[in-house]
Amino acid sequence: MNTRFIAVLILCVISSYEVAVAADSNHHSPYASEQNRTIKSLSQNDIADLTAGAGWGLAKAAELNGVPGPMHLLEMKDEIGLTDVQIESIDRVFNEMRSDAKLLGKKLILQETALDDKFKNDVPTPEELRIQLAEIGETRSSLRYVHLSAHLKMPKILSASQIDSYNQLRGYTVSDDPCANVPAGHNEEMWKKHNNCG
């Protein structure tokens, strides 16, 4: 066998392998490995958050628009300068929210388990599916309401400056002070010099 033929043969084998790998990776699901979850639609972290009554990202509409949440306020009570009366009020809202969220979280886990079981054991009819999804949707909506409504109560308890402090501490507001905000790519020393920073 001549060496040129062997080289061409090796290149053909390598190319075939690369095409097969590329084809396989084009169809490889980002969900691969999730098929082993207890509840396919929920990760272990999701289940832990729902069981504990944690936020699960449901209050982002409030949180990221500057309306504080009770849990983080209690965590930052000293930096924000909360009074004992404020702490007591926020704690009451937080405990009520957490209690309601735990109940709804457990309910959602059971509903997602039932949906998962339905697909595992026998595929649901369209009507069964519609009913199950409506129940899940109602529970998720109630859970989201519990978290967002707790945020709604905070501005009545806090001062405007405390809300500002909260948002700064959480990293949601950027100061207009050029000395505190050196743009990416700029030499910090030169930027501060040109902006008369002390």
Protein backbone atom coordinates (compact mmCIF):
# COMPACT_ATOMS: atom_id res chain seq x y z
CA MET A 1 0.00 0.00 0.00
CA ASN A 2 1.39 3.38 -0.86
CA THR A 3 1.72 6.09 1.79
CA ARG A 4 -0.37 8.57 -0.14
CA PHE A 5 -3.31 6.17 -0.21
CA ILE A 6 -2.97 5.51 3.53
CA ALA A 7 -2.88 9.26 4.27
CA VAL A 8 -6.04 9.82 2.19
CA LEU A 9 -7.75 6.89 3.92
CA ILE A 10 -6.87 8.28 7.37
CA LEU A 11 -8.21 11.72 6.38
CA CYS A 12 -11.45 10.14 5.17
CA VAL A 13 -11.89 8.26 8.46
CA ILE A 14 -11.18 11.41 10.50
CA SER A 15 -13.61 13.47 8.38
CA SER A 16 -16.33 10.83 8.73
CA TYR A 17 -15.82 10.81 12.50
CA GLU A 18 -15.97 14.64 12.70
CA VAL A 19 -19.19 14.71 10.63
CA ALA A 20 -20.74 12.05 12.90
CA VAL A 21 -19.73 13.93 16.06
CA ALA A 22 -21.03 17.23 14.63
CA ALA A 23 -24.33 15.60 13.65
CA ASP A 24 -24.64 14.05 17.10
CA SER A 25 -23.91 17.35 18.88
CA ASN A 26 -26.50 19.17 16.75
CA HIS A 27 -29.20 16.94 18.18
CA HIS A 28 -27.89 16.61 21.72
CA SER A 29 -30.51 18.07 24.06
CA PRO A 30 -29.60 20.70 26.64
CA TYR A 31 -31.93 18.67 28.91
CA ALA A 32 -29.77 15.53 28.70
CA SER A 33 -29.22 14.22 32.27
CA GLU A 34 -32.42 15.88 33.50
CA GLN A 35 -34.34 12.72 32.60
CA ASN A 36 -33.06 11.29 35.90
CA ARG A 37 -34.73 14.00 38.00
CA THR A 38 -37.42 12.92 40.43
CA ILE A 39 -39.69 15.61 38.96
CA LYS A 40 -38.56 16.38 35.43
CA SER A 41 -39.64 20.04 35.41
CA LEU A 42 -38.02 20.88 38.77
CA SER A 43 -34.36 20.73 39.79
CA GLN A 44 -33.30 19.79 43.32
CA ASN A 45 -32.65 23.50 43.94
CA ASP A 46 -36.16 24.35 42.73
CA ILE A 47 -37.65 21.76 45.08
CA ALA A 48 -35.54 23.03 47.99
CA ASP A 49 -36.57 26.66 47.33
CA LEU A 50 -40.26 25.79 46.99
CA THR A 51 -40.21 23.66 50.14
CA ALA A 52 -38.47 26.40 52.13
CA GLY A 53 -40.77 29.16 50.85
CA ALA A 54 -37.84 30.94 49.18
CA GLY A 55 -38.37 33.57 46.49
CA TRP A 56 -37.58 31.32 43.49
CA GLY A 57 -37.12 34.49 41.40
CA LEU A 58 -40.85 35.20 41.48
CA ALA A 59 -40.52 38.74 42.84
CA LYS A 60 -38.08 40.12 40.26
CA ALA A 61 -40.70 42.53 38.90
CA ALA A 62 -40.66 44.29 42.28
CA GLU A 63 -37.07 43.68 43.32
CA LEU A 64 -35.46 44.90 40.10
CA ASN A 65 -37.72 47.94 39.91
CA GLY A 66 -36.61 49.25 43.28
CA VAL A 67 -39.29 47.81 45.57
CA PRO A 68 -37.45 46.04 48.43
CA GLY A 69 -38.15 42.55 49.72
CA PRO A 70 -38.56 41.72 53.42
CA MET A 71 -35.94 38.97 53.66
CA HIS A 72 -33.10 41.09 52.26
CA LEU A 73 -34.18 44.08 54.35
CA LEU A 74 -33.86 41.96 57.50
CA GLU A 75 -30.44 40.73 56.34
CA MET A 76 -29.27 44.35 55.87
CA LYS A 77 -31.10 45.93 58.79
CA ASP A 78 -27.94 47.51 60.26
CA GLU A 79 -26.63 48.96 56.98
CA ILE A 80 -30.06 50.40 56.17
CA GLY A 81 -30.62 51.67 59.71
CA LEU A 82 -33.95 49.98 60.40
CA THR A 83 -35.62 50.86 63.69
CA ASP A 84 -36.93 48.19 66.07
CA VAL A 85 -40.50 49.05 65.03
CA GLN A 86 -39.60 48.67 61.35
CA ILE A 87 -37.84 45.36 61.99
CA GLU A 88 -40.88 44.06 63.85
CA SER A 89 -43.23 45.06 60.99
CA ILE A 90 -40.96 43.63 58.28
CA ASP A 91 -40.46 40.42 60.27
CA ARG A 92 -44.22 39.97 60.55
CA VAL A 93 -44.67 40.39 56.77
CA PHE A 94 -41.74 38.06 56.09
CA ASN A 95 -43.04 35.28 58.35
CA GLU A 96 -46.52 35.46 56.84
CA MET A 97 -45.06 35.42 53.33
CA ARG A 98 -42.76 32.48 54.12
CA SER A 99 -45.59 30.47 55.70
CA ASP A 100 -47.93 30.99 52.73
CA ALA A 101 -45.12 30.37 50.23
CA LYS A 102 -44.21 27.04 51.87
CA LEU A 103 -47.80 25.80 51.59
CA LEU A 104 -48.09 26.86 47.96
CA GLY A 105 -44.61 25.56 47.15
CA LYS A 106 -45.48 22.11 48.46
CA LYS A 107 -48.75 22.20 46.52
CA LEU A 108 -46.87 23.10 43.32
CA ILE A 109 -44.41 20.25 43.86
CA LEU A 110 -47.31 17.79 44.23
CA GLN A 111 -48.97 19.14 41.08
CA GLU A 112 -45.75 18.92 39.05
CA THR A 113 -45.24 15.38 40.38
CA ALA A 114 -48.75 14.41 39.23
CA LEU A 115 -48.07 15.87 35.76
CA ASP A 116 -44.77 14.04 35.57
CA ASP A 117 -46.42 10.76 36.65
CA LYS A 118 -49.15 11.23 34.05
CA PHE A 119 -46.57 11.40 31.25
CA LYS A 120 -44.52 8.58 32.75
CA ASN A 121 -47.37 6.10 33.22
CA ASP A 122 -49.84 6.98 30.47
CA VAL A 123 -49.94 10.05 28.29
CA PRO A 124 -52.73 12.45 29.38
CA THR A 125 -55.61 13.33 27.12
CA PRO A 126 -55.68 16.95 25.90
CA GLU A 127 -58.48 17.71 28.37
CA GLU A 128 -56.63 16.12 31.32
CA LEU A 129 -53.54 18.09 30.35
CA ARG A 130 -55.49 21.36 30.13
CA ILE A 131 -56.96 20.80 33.61
CA GLN A 132 -53.59 19.92 35.17
CA LEU A 133 -51.85 22.90 33.59
CA ALA A 134 -54.62 25.27 34.71
CA GLU A 135 -54.23 24.04 38.30
CA ILE A 136 -50.43 24.40 38.13
CA GLY A 137 -50.80 27.87 36.62
CA GLU A 138 -53.19 28.95 39.37
CA THR A 139 -50.80 27.74 42.08
CA ARG A 140 -47.81 29.46 40.45
CA SER A 141 -49.80 32.67 40.14
CA SER A 142 -50.82 32.51 43.82
CA LEU A 143 -47.23 31.81 44.84
CA ARG A 144 -45.98 34.75 42.82
CA TYR A 145 -48.65 36.97 44.36
CA VAL A 146 -47.52 35.98 47.85
CA HIS A 147 -43.94 37.08 47.12
CA LEU A 148 -44.78 40.24 45.16
CA SER A 149 -47.43 41.42 47.63
CA ALA A 150 -44.87 41.23 50.45
CA HIS A 151 -42.68 43.64 48.47
CA LEU A 152 -45.68 45.96 48.04
CA LYS A 153 -45.91 46.38 51.81
CA MET A 154 -42.31 47.55 52.25
CA PRO A 155 -42.54 51.16 50.95
CA LYS A 156 -45.18 51.87 53.62
CA ILE A 157 -42.71 50.78 56.31
CA LEU A 158 -39.50 52.36 54.95
CA SER A 159 -38.31 55.89 54.32
CA ALA A 160 -37.27 56.96 50.81
CA SER A 161 -33.61 57.11 51.88
CA GLN A 162 -33.80 53.56 53.27
CA ILE A 163 -35.21 52.34 49.95
CA ASP A 164 -32.35 54.13 48.16
CA SER A 165 -29.83 52.50 50.51
CA TYR A 166 -31.39 49.09 49.89
CA ASN A 167 -31.13 49.48 46.12
CA GLN A 168 -27.55 50.69 46.32
CA LEU A 169 -26.53 47.83 48.62
CA ARG A 170 -28.23 45.33 46.30
CA GLY A 171 -26.35 46.80 43.34
CA TYR A 172 -29.41 48.06 41.47
CA THR A 173 -28.51 51.74 41.32
CA VAL A 174 -25.37 53.22 39.89
CA SER A 175 -24.19 56.52 41.25
CA ASP A 176 -23.91 59.45 38.82
CA ASP A 177 -20.65 60.39 40.52
CA PRO A 178 -17.90 60.01 37.85
CA CYS A 179 -15.34 59.50 40.60
CA ALA A 180 -17.20 56.41 41.83
CA ASN A 181 -17.84 55.01 38.33
CA VAL A 182 -14.77 54.64 36.17
CA PRO A 183 -15.96 53.32 32.78
CA ALA A 184 -14.58 49.98 31.65
CA GLY A 185 -11.44 50.37 29.54
CA HIS A 186 -10.39 53.69 31.09
CA ASN A 187 -7.27 54.15 33.13
CA GLU A 188 -8.63 54.78 36.63
CA GLU A 189 -5.90 57.21 37.66
CA MET A 190 -6.21 59.32 34.49
CA TRP A 191 -10.04 59.24 34.60
CA LYS A 192 -10.07 60.52 38.19
CA LYS A 193 -7.50 63.18 37.34
CA HIS A 194 -9.57 64.46 34.37
CA ASN A 195 -12.74 64.47 36.49
CA ASN A 196 -11.09 66.35 39.37
CA CYS A 197 -11.60 63.49 41.83
CA GLY A 198 -9.85 64.05 45.15
